Amino acid sequence: MRIQVEVWSGREEWERHWDEWEALRSADPHATCFQSPAWLVPWARHLARGEPFALALRDPLDGGRLHALIPLERRSMGRVRFAGSGVSDYQGSLELPGRGGATAELLQAWLLADGSWVRCLDGPQAPAELSARAPETLGWRRIAREYCPYLALPESEEALAASLPRGLRKNLRSARNRLRLEGFRVECVAQETLQEFYSALFALHGARWRSKGLPGVFGSARVRRFHEDAGVALLASGELQLLALRDAAGVIRAAHLGYLFGGRCAFYASGFDPALRALSPGGVLILSAMEAAIRDGCRGFDFLRGGEAYKYRWGAVNRTNVRLLWGRGFLGKGLATVAAWETVALREAARQLGRQTPTS
């Protein structure tokens, strides 16, 4: 089959292809918000450490339609990483349904024609569905990376309540009743409250983790600007799930950040006033997020990266991200280089400690 390989260089070119990129992402059943232009264009604007580019595959026999896309970042020493590192729980390619093998076709064609300078391809956070697209002929190394606990959602809010462990169900019912009696209410973000909700999330999350000697995921001003930037587009597309728990005086005392995509709801981060700990504000917001997701037709709740104990109290089961590594000559010095890069990656992961606020 004849194919056309394009290289989209830089954020400005990513923005020019926004519409067809989003059309491909919407068609891919395994895609998440973390592969969307709404997420990765702001990432390139605020957080990229190298040169963003993307490989695009078109089929001339299909009118030049986009069949596959791999957003990437060029680092030093011939190293290429999947785009979104540092803030994305899932990284990988996009493919049209029924076009299996397009990612492999695209990568191999590019490496043969223009990628002789590449020494290593690195996919730090690839879920099973996306890691399976890595071309076996290239000899990828797959390294078990992180657990991503996942909970299947029933079809109704009533069924959800009945499915929860008895102790958790009783605690959340009591907490909700007490919060209502004290005048608290759960709100969903709207365009006019977007900045207020983000400011409250950043402050509440940061205060909790600074008390533990950690900055939390929003400790950097660049990361905060990234989330605010991405949130505008994701709210417009209906993929942003930002909830707040507001008290009787109108003050936000807890906040929950999540995303909706592909029939799933994902929990990204939260924060709450420690004075409310006895009322389980984090758990109440998680339950509210699950109920809203069910109303939106979602059938899964993804707790994303990290094996924190509270996630399993909901009945979540593990899925595993893998790290994909490909290099020219994984022997001798090449293997030592990969080991050094792995050490750097682990340090980067350590800096992300405190991303999700405990709910108890």
Protein backbone atom coordinates (compact mmCIF):
# COMPACT_ATOMS: atom_id res chain seq x y z
CA MET A 1 0.00 0.00 0.00
CA ARG A 2 1.31 3.45 -0.91
CA ILE A 3 1.48 5.81 2.05
CA GLN A 4 2.45 9.42 2.61
CA VAL A 5 4.49 10.30 5.70
CA GLU A 6 4.49 13.87 7.00
CA VAL A 7 6.44 15.50 9.80
CA TRP A 8 4.60 18.26 11.65
CA SER A 9 7.33 20.42 13.18
CA GLY A 10 6.57 22.64 16.13
CA ARG A 11 3.51 23.78 18.04
CA GLU A 12 2.34 26.19 15.35
CA GLU A 13 2.09 23.36 12.82
CA TRP A 14 0.29 21.22 15.41
CA GLU A 15 -2.26 24.02 15.76
CA ARG A 16 -2.76 24.23 11.98
CA HIS A 17 -3.71 20.54 11.92
CA TRP A 18 -5.93 20.75 15.03
CA ASP A 19 -9.23 19.81 13.34
CA GLU A 20 -8.04 16.69 11.51
CA TRP A 21 -5.99 15.65 14.55
CA GLU A 22 -9.09 15.88 16.71
CA ALA A 23 -11.15 14.00 14.10
CA LEU A 24 -8.66 11.12 14.20
CA ARG A 25 -8.53 11.16 18.00
CA SER A 26 -12.34 11.05 18.21
CA ALA A 27 -12.43 8.06 15.85
CA ASP A 28 -9.82 6.01 17.75
CA PRO A 29 -11.59 3.82 20.35
CA HIS A 30 -8.43 3.58 22.47
CA ALA A 31 -7.65 7.30 22.52
CA THR A 32 -7.77 9.45 25.65
CA CYS A 33 -7.73 13.18 26.28
CA PHE A 34 -3.96 12.83 26.75
CA GLN A 35 -3.53 12.31 22.97
CA SER A 36 -5.80 15.23 22.03
CA PRO A 37 -4.62 18.56 20.62
CA ALA A 38 -6.52 20.22 23.48
CA TRP A 39 -4.01 18.58 25.86
CA LEU A 40 -0.81 18.39 23.84
CA VAL A 41 -0.79 21.82 22.21
CA PRO A 42 -0.84 23.52 25.66
CA TRP A 43 1.77 20.98 26.79
CA ALA A 44 4.00 22.04 23.89
CA ARG A 45 3.37 25.69 24.75
CA HIS A 46 4.19 25.45 28.46
CA LEU A 47 6.05 22.24 29.32
CA ALA A 48 7.94 20.72 26.40
CA ARG A 49 11.65 20.41 27.19
CA GLY A 50 12.70 19.65 23.62
CA GLU A 51 11.36 20.21 20.10
CA PRO A 52 7.76 19.03 19.60
CA PHE A 53 6.98 17.29 16.33
CA ALA A 54 4.55 14.68 15.08
CA LEU A 55 4.59 11.90 12.50
CA ALA A 56 1.47 11.72 10.37
CA LEU A 57 0.46 8.95 7.97
CA ARG A 58 -1.90 9.59 5.07
CA ASP A 59 -3.33 7.18 2.54
CA PRO A 60 -3.45 8.65 -1.01
CA LEU A 61 -6.04 6.00 -1.94
CA ASP A 62 -8.32 7.41 0.77
CA GLY A 63 -8.16 10.99 -0.43
CA GLY A 64 -5.09 11.75 1.66
CA ARG A 65 -7.04 11.15 4.86
CA LEU A 66 -5.08 11.02 8.10
CA HIS A 67 -4.74 7.36 9.16
CA ALA A 68 -2.24 7.57 12.03
CA LEU A 69 -0.50 10.16 14.16
CA ILE A 70 2.36 9.95 16.68
CA PRO A 71 3.01 13.14 18.70
CA LEU A 72 6.67 13.24 19.78
CA GLU A 73 9.38 15.39 21.32
CA ARG A 74 12.99 15.57 20.20
CA ARG A 75 15.48 15.61 23.07
CA SER A 76 19.29 15.70 23.07
CA MET A 77 21.61 12.84 22.05
CA GLY A 78 19.26 11.53 19.38
CA ARG A 79 16.57 10.74 21.93
CA VAL A 80 12.88 10.96 21.02
CA ARG A 81 10.07 10.79 23.57
CA PHE A 82 6.33 10.47 23.17
CA ALA A 83 4.76 13.89 23.70
CA GLY A 84 3.13 14.80 26.99
CA SER A 85 5.78 13.59 29.42
CA GLY A 86 5.38 14.75 33.00
CA VAL A 87 1.65 15.39 33.00
CA SER A 88 0.14 12.64 30.82
CA ASP A 89 -0.94 9.35 32.34
CA TYR A 90 -1.21 7.71 28.93
CA GLN A 91 0.98 8.32 25.90
CA GLY A 92 0.91 6.80 22.46
CA SER A 93 -0.29 6.97 18.90
CA LEU A 94 -3.65 7.46 17.21
CA GLU A 95 -5.03 5.17 14.50
CA LEU A 96 -8.19 4.92 12.47
CA PRO A 97 -10.38 1.96 13.50
CA GLY A 98 -9.71 -1.03 11.30
CA ARG A 99 -6.33 0.36 10.30
CA GLY A 100 -4.27 -1.93 12.54
CA GLY A 101 -0.55 -1.68 11.99
CA ALA A 102 -0.65 1.96 10.90
CA THR A 103 1.59 3.07 13.78
CA ALA A 104 4.17 0.41 12.92
CA GLU A 105 3.97 1.31 9.25
CA LEU A 106 4.45 5.00 10.02
CA LEU A 107 7.37 4.55 12.42
CA GLN A 108 9.26 2.17 10.18
CA ALA A 109 8.77 4.31 7.08
CA TRP A 110 9.98 7.43 8.91
CA LEU A 111 13.00 5.75 10.50
CA LEU A 112 14.04 4.36 7.13
CA ALA A 113 13.60 7.64 5.24
CA ASP A 114 14.45 10.43 7.72
CA GLY A 115 15.17 9.00 11.15
CA SER A 116 18.77 7.91 10.87
CA TRP A 117 19.67 10.45 13.60
CA VAL A 118 17.39 8.73 16.15
CA ARG A 119 19.23 6.72 18.78
CA CYS A 120 16.35 5.97 21.14
CA LEU A 121 12.53 6.09 21.07
CA ASP A 122 11.00 6.35 24.53
CA GLY A 123 7.35 5.90 25.51
CA PRO A 124 7.27 6.33 29.31
CA GLN A 125 3.54 5.76 29.88
CA ALA A 126 1.93 3.39 27.39
CA PRO A 127 -1.25 1.52 28.36
CA ALA A 128 -1.71 -1.99 27.01
CA GLU A 129 -3.89 -0.95 24.06
CA LEU A 130 -1.35 1.59 22.82
CA SER A 131 1.81 -0.38 23.63
CA ALA A 132 0.45 -3.18 21.44
CA ARG A 133 0.83 -0.85 18.46
CA ALA A 134 4.62 -0.71 18.78
CA PRO A 135 6.11 -2.52 15.76
CA GLU A 136 7.61 -5.83 16.90
CA THR A 137 10.09 -5.78 14.04
CA LEU A 138 11.89 -2.87 15.71
CA GLY A 139 12.64 -4.97 18.80
CA TRP A 140 11.04 -2.78 21.48
CA ARG A 141 11.79 -3.36 25.15
CA ARG A 142 8.71 -3.29 27.36
CA ILE A 143 9.30 -2.40 31.02
CA ALA A 144 6.44 -2.73 33.52
CA ARG A 145 5.87 0.77 34.77
CA GLU A 146 2.94 1.76 37.01
CA TYR A 147 -0.42 0.44 38.13
CA CYS A 148 -3.51 2.31 36.94
CA PRO A 149 -6.44 1.06 39.09
CA TYR A 150 -9.71 0.86 37.17
CA LEU A 151 -13.32 0.37 38.24
CA ALA A 152 -16.11 -0.81 35.93
CA LEU A 153 -19.21 1.36 36.38
CA PRO A 154 -22.76 -0.05 36.39
CA GLU A 155 -25.58 1.46 34.36
CA SER A 156 -27.29 3.41 37.15
CA GLU A 157 -26.44 5.45 40.23
CA GLU A 158 -28.52 3.06 42.34
CA ALA A 159 -26.52 0.09 41.09
CA LEU A 160 -23.31 1.97 41.85
CA ALA A 161 -24.35 2.55 45.47
CA ALA A 162 -25.30 -1.12 45.84
CA SER A 163 -21.96 -2.26 44.40
CA LEU A 164 -19.79 -0.31 46.85
CA PRO A 165 -18.26 -2.10 49.84
CA ARG A 166 -20.64 -1.83 52.79
CA GLY A 167 -18.35 0.21 55.03
CA LEU A 168 -17.52 2.71 52.29
CA ARG A 169 -21.18 3.04 51.28
CA LYS A 170 -22.23 3.73 54.89
CA ASN A 171 -19.46 6.27 55.42
CA LEU A 172 -20.25 8.19 52.24
CA ARG A 173 -23.99 8.25 52.94
CA SER A 174 -23.33 9.68 56.42
CA ALA A 175 -20.82 12.22 55.10
CA ARG A 176 -23.18 13.43 52.40
CA ASN A 177 -26.02 13.89 54.86
CA ARG A 178 -23.86 15.86 57.27
CA LEU A 179 -22.50 18.07 54.49
CA ARG A 180 -26.01 18.84 53.24
CA LEU A 181 -27.18 19.70 56.76
CA GLU A 182 -24.28 22.15 57.07
CA GLY A 183 -25.17 23.83 53.77
CA PHE A 184 -22.51 22.33 51.51
CA ARG A 185 -23.26 21.65 47.84
CA VAL A 186 -21.39 20.02 44.95
CA GLU A 187 -21.02 22.15 41.83
CA CYS A 188 -19.83 21.34 38.31
CA VAL A 189 -17.58 23.84 36.59
CA ALA A 190 -18.95 26.27 34.02
CA GLN A 191 -17.14 28.74 31.80
CA GLU A 192 -17.73 31.58 34.26
CA THR A 193 -16.35 29.59 37.22
CA LEU A 194 -13.39 27.91 35.47
CA GLN A 195 -10.71 30.21 36.87
CA GLU A 196 -12.22 30.14 40.38
CA PHE A 197 -12.33 26.34 40.41
CA TYR A 198 -8.74 25.96 39.20
CA SER A 199 -7.46 28.51 41.72
CA ALA A 200 -9.21 26.65 44.54
CA LEU A 201 -7.88 23.27 43.33
CA PHE A 202 -4.32 24.56 43.14
CA ALA A 203 -4.49 26.14 46.59
CA LEU A 204 -6.16 23.21 48.36
CA HIS A 205 -3.98 20.56 46.73
CA GLY A 206 -0.80 22.53 47.27
CA ALA A 207 -1.48 23.27 50.95
CA ARG A 208 -2.03 19.58 51.67
CA TRP A 209 1.17 18.43 50.04
CA ARG A 210 3.34 21.26 51.32
CA SER A 211 2.38 20.11 54.81
CA LYS A 212 4.07 16.81 53.88
CA GLY A 213 7.17 18.53 52.53
CA LEU A 214 6.17 17.91 48.90
CA PRO A 215 5.20 20.48 46.26
CA GLY A 216 2.33 18.51 44.73
CA VAL A 217 1.78 18.32 41.01
CA PHE A 218 0.69 21.96 40.75
CA GLY A 219 3.77 23.34 42.51
CA SER A 220 5.17 24.83 39.30
CA ALA A 221 3.66 27.98 37.80
CA ARG A 222 4.22 26.51 34.32
CA VAL A 223 2.20 23.41 35.23
CA ARG A 224 -0.62 25.57 36.59
CA ARG A 225 -0.69 27.62 33.40
CA PHE A 226 -0.72 24.43 31.35
CA HIS A 227 -3.77 23.06 33.18
CA GLU A 228 -5.66 26.32 32.91
CA ASP A 229 -4.87 26.51 29.19
CA ALA A 230 -5.86 22.90 28.50
CA GLY A 231 -8.97 23.27 30.66
CA VAL A 232 -10.46 25.93 28.39
CA ALA A 233 -10.48 23.63 25.34
CA LEU A 234 -11.44 20.51 27.30
CA LEU A 235 -14.39 22.30 28.89
CA ALA A 236 -15.56 23.35 25.44
CA SER A 237 -15.33 19.75 24.18
CA GLY A 238 -17.19 18.36 27.21
CA GLU A 239 -14.20 16.38 28.47
CA LEU A 240 -13.34 18.38 31.57
CA GLN A 241 -14.82 17.16 34.86
CA LEU A 242 -13.99 19.77 37.50
CA LEU A 243 -16.11 19.59 40.63
CA ALA A 244 -16.14 21.77 43.73
CA LEU A 245 -17.59 21.38 47.21
CA ARG A 246 -18.84 24.84 48.25
CA ASP A 247 -19.87 25.73 51.79
CA ALA A 248 -22.85 27.79 52.94
CA ALA A 249 -20.76 30.97 52.76
CA GLY A 250 -19.87 30.28 49.11
CA VAL A 251 -16.26 29.24 49.75
CA ILE A 252 -14.85 26.25 47.85
CA ARG A 253 -13.55 23.81 50.46
CA ALA A 254 -12.71 20.84 48.18
CA ALA A 255 -12.11 20.31 44.46
CA HIS A 256 -11.84 17.33 42.13
CA LEU A 257 -10.24 17.29 38.65
CA GLY A 258 -11.05 14.58 36.15
CA TYR A 259 -11.58 13.95 32.47
CA LEU A 260 -14.17 12.15 30.33
CA PHE A 261 -13.09 10.24 27.24
CA GLY A 262 -13.95 7.10 25.32
CA GLY A 263 -16.78 6.07 27.65
CA ARG A 264 -14.52 6.42 30.69
CA CYS A 265 -14.12 8.93 33.48
CA ALA A 266 -10.63 9.53 34.89
CA PHE A 267 -9.65 11.01 38.25
CA TYR A 268 -6.58 13.24 37.89
CA ALA A 269 -6.14 15.24 41.11
CA SER A 270 -7.97 16.71 44.08
CA GLY A 271 -7.61 18.85 47.17
CA PHE A 272 -9.62 19.62 50.28
CA ASP A 273 -9.59 21.69 53.43
CA PRO A 274 -8.07 19.52 56.20
CA ALA A 275 -10.72 20.84 58.61
CA LEU A 276 -13.27 18.75 56.67
CA ARG A 277 -11.32 15.49 56.88
CA ALA A 278 -13.94 13.80 59.13
CA LEU A 279 -16.59 14.41 56.44
CA SER A 280 -14.63 12.58 53.70
CA PRO A 281 -14.84 15.42 51.17
CA GLY A 282 -12.55 13.66 48.71
CA GLY A 283 -14.62 10.49 48.77
CA VAL A 284 -17.86 12.45 48.40
CA LEU A 285 -16.50 14.19 45.30
CA ILE A 286 -15.26 10.89 43.81
CA LEU A 287 -18.75 9.43 44.27
CA SER A 288 -20.29 12.55 42.70
CA ALA A 289 -17.87 12.22 39.78
CA MET A 290 -18.82 8.57 39.28
CA GLU A 291 -22.54 9.39 39.36
CA ALA A 292 -22.11 12.22 36.85
CA ALA A 293 -20.06 9.91 34.62
CA ILE A 294 -22.82 7.29 34.67
CA ARG A 295 -25.34 9.94 33.64
CA ASP A 296 -23.01 10.84 30.76
CA GLY A 297 -22.94 7.21 29.63
CA CYS A 298 -19.50 6.26 30.96
CA ARG A 299 -18.89 2.63 31.90
CA GLY A 300 -15.52 2.89 33.57
CA PHE A 301 -13.79 5.00 36.21
CA ASP A 302 -10.04 5.26 35.80
CA PHE A 303 -8.01 6.21 38.87
CA LEU A 304 -4.99 6.69 36.60
CA ARG A 305 -1.40 6.19 37.75
CA GLY A 306 -0.51 5.15 41.26
CA GLY A 307 -1.40 2.27 43.56
CA GLU A 308 -2.65 4.30 46.54
CA ALA A 309 -4.65 2.19 48.97
CA TYR A 310 -7.82 4.29 48.86
CA LYS A 311 -8.38 3.41 45.19
CA TYR A 312 -8.76 -0.28 45.98
CA ARG A 313 -11.34 0.45 48.68
CA TRP A 314 -13.68 1.33 45.81
CA GLY A 315 -13.12 -2.08 44.25
CA ALA A 316 -10.69 -0.95 41.55
CA VAL A 317 -8.47 -3.53 39.85
CA ASN A 318 -5.04 -2.97 38.37
CA ARG A 319 -4.14 -2.20 34.82
CA THR A 320 -0.47 -1.68 34.06
CA ASN A 321 1.29 0.96 32.04
CA VAL A 322 4.53 -0.07 30.39
CA ARG A 323 7.52 1.89 29.27
CA LEU A 324 8.41 1.33 25.62
CA LEU A 325 12.08 1.66 24.68
CA TRP A 326 13.71 1.21 21.32
CA GLY A 327 17.32 1.98 20.52
CA ARG A 328 19.98 1.26 17.96
CA GLY A 329 22.12 -1.47 19.50
CA PHE A 330 20.87 -2.30 23.00
CA LEU A 331 24.17 -3.97 23.80
CA GLY A 332 27.26 -2.73 25.61
CA LYS A 333 27.32 1.04 25.82
CA GLY A 334 23.84 1.23 24.30
CA LEU A 335 22.37 -0.71 27.20
CA ALA A 336 24.23 1.46 29.71
CA THR A 337 22.80 4.54 28.04
CA VAL A 338 19.28 3.15 28.31
CA ALA A 339 19.87 2.39 32.01
CA ALA A 340 20.99 5.99 32.54
CA TRP A 341 17.87 7.27 30.80
CA GLU A 342 15.75 4.98 32.97
CA THR A 343 17.31 6.57 36.07
CA VAL A 344 16.43 10.03 34.75
CA ALA A 345 12.86 8.89 34.10
CA LEU A 346 12.52 7.55 37.64
CA ARG A 347 13.68 10.89 39.01
CA GLU A 348 11.06 12.62 36.87
CA ALA A 349 8.41 10.27 38.26
CA ALA A 350 9.53 11.01 41.81
CA ARG A 351 8.93 14.71 41.19
CA GLN A 352 5.32 13.87 40.41
CA LEU A 353 4.66 12.52 43.94
CA GLY A 354 1.59 14.02 45.49
CA ARG A 355 -0.44 14.23 42.28
CA GLN A 356 -3.59 12.76 43.83
CA THR A 357 -4.72 13.85 47.25
CA PRO A 358 -5.69 11.05 49.65
CA THR A 359 -9.42 10.96 50.27
CA SER A 360 -9.48 10.17 53.96
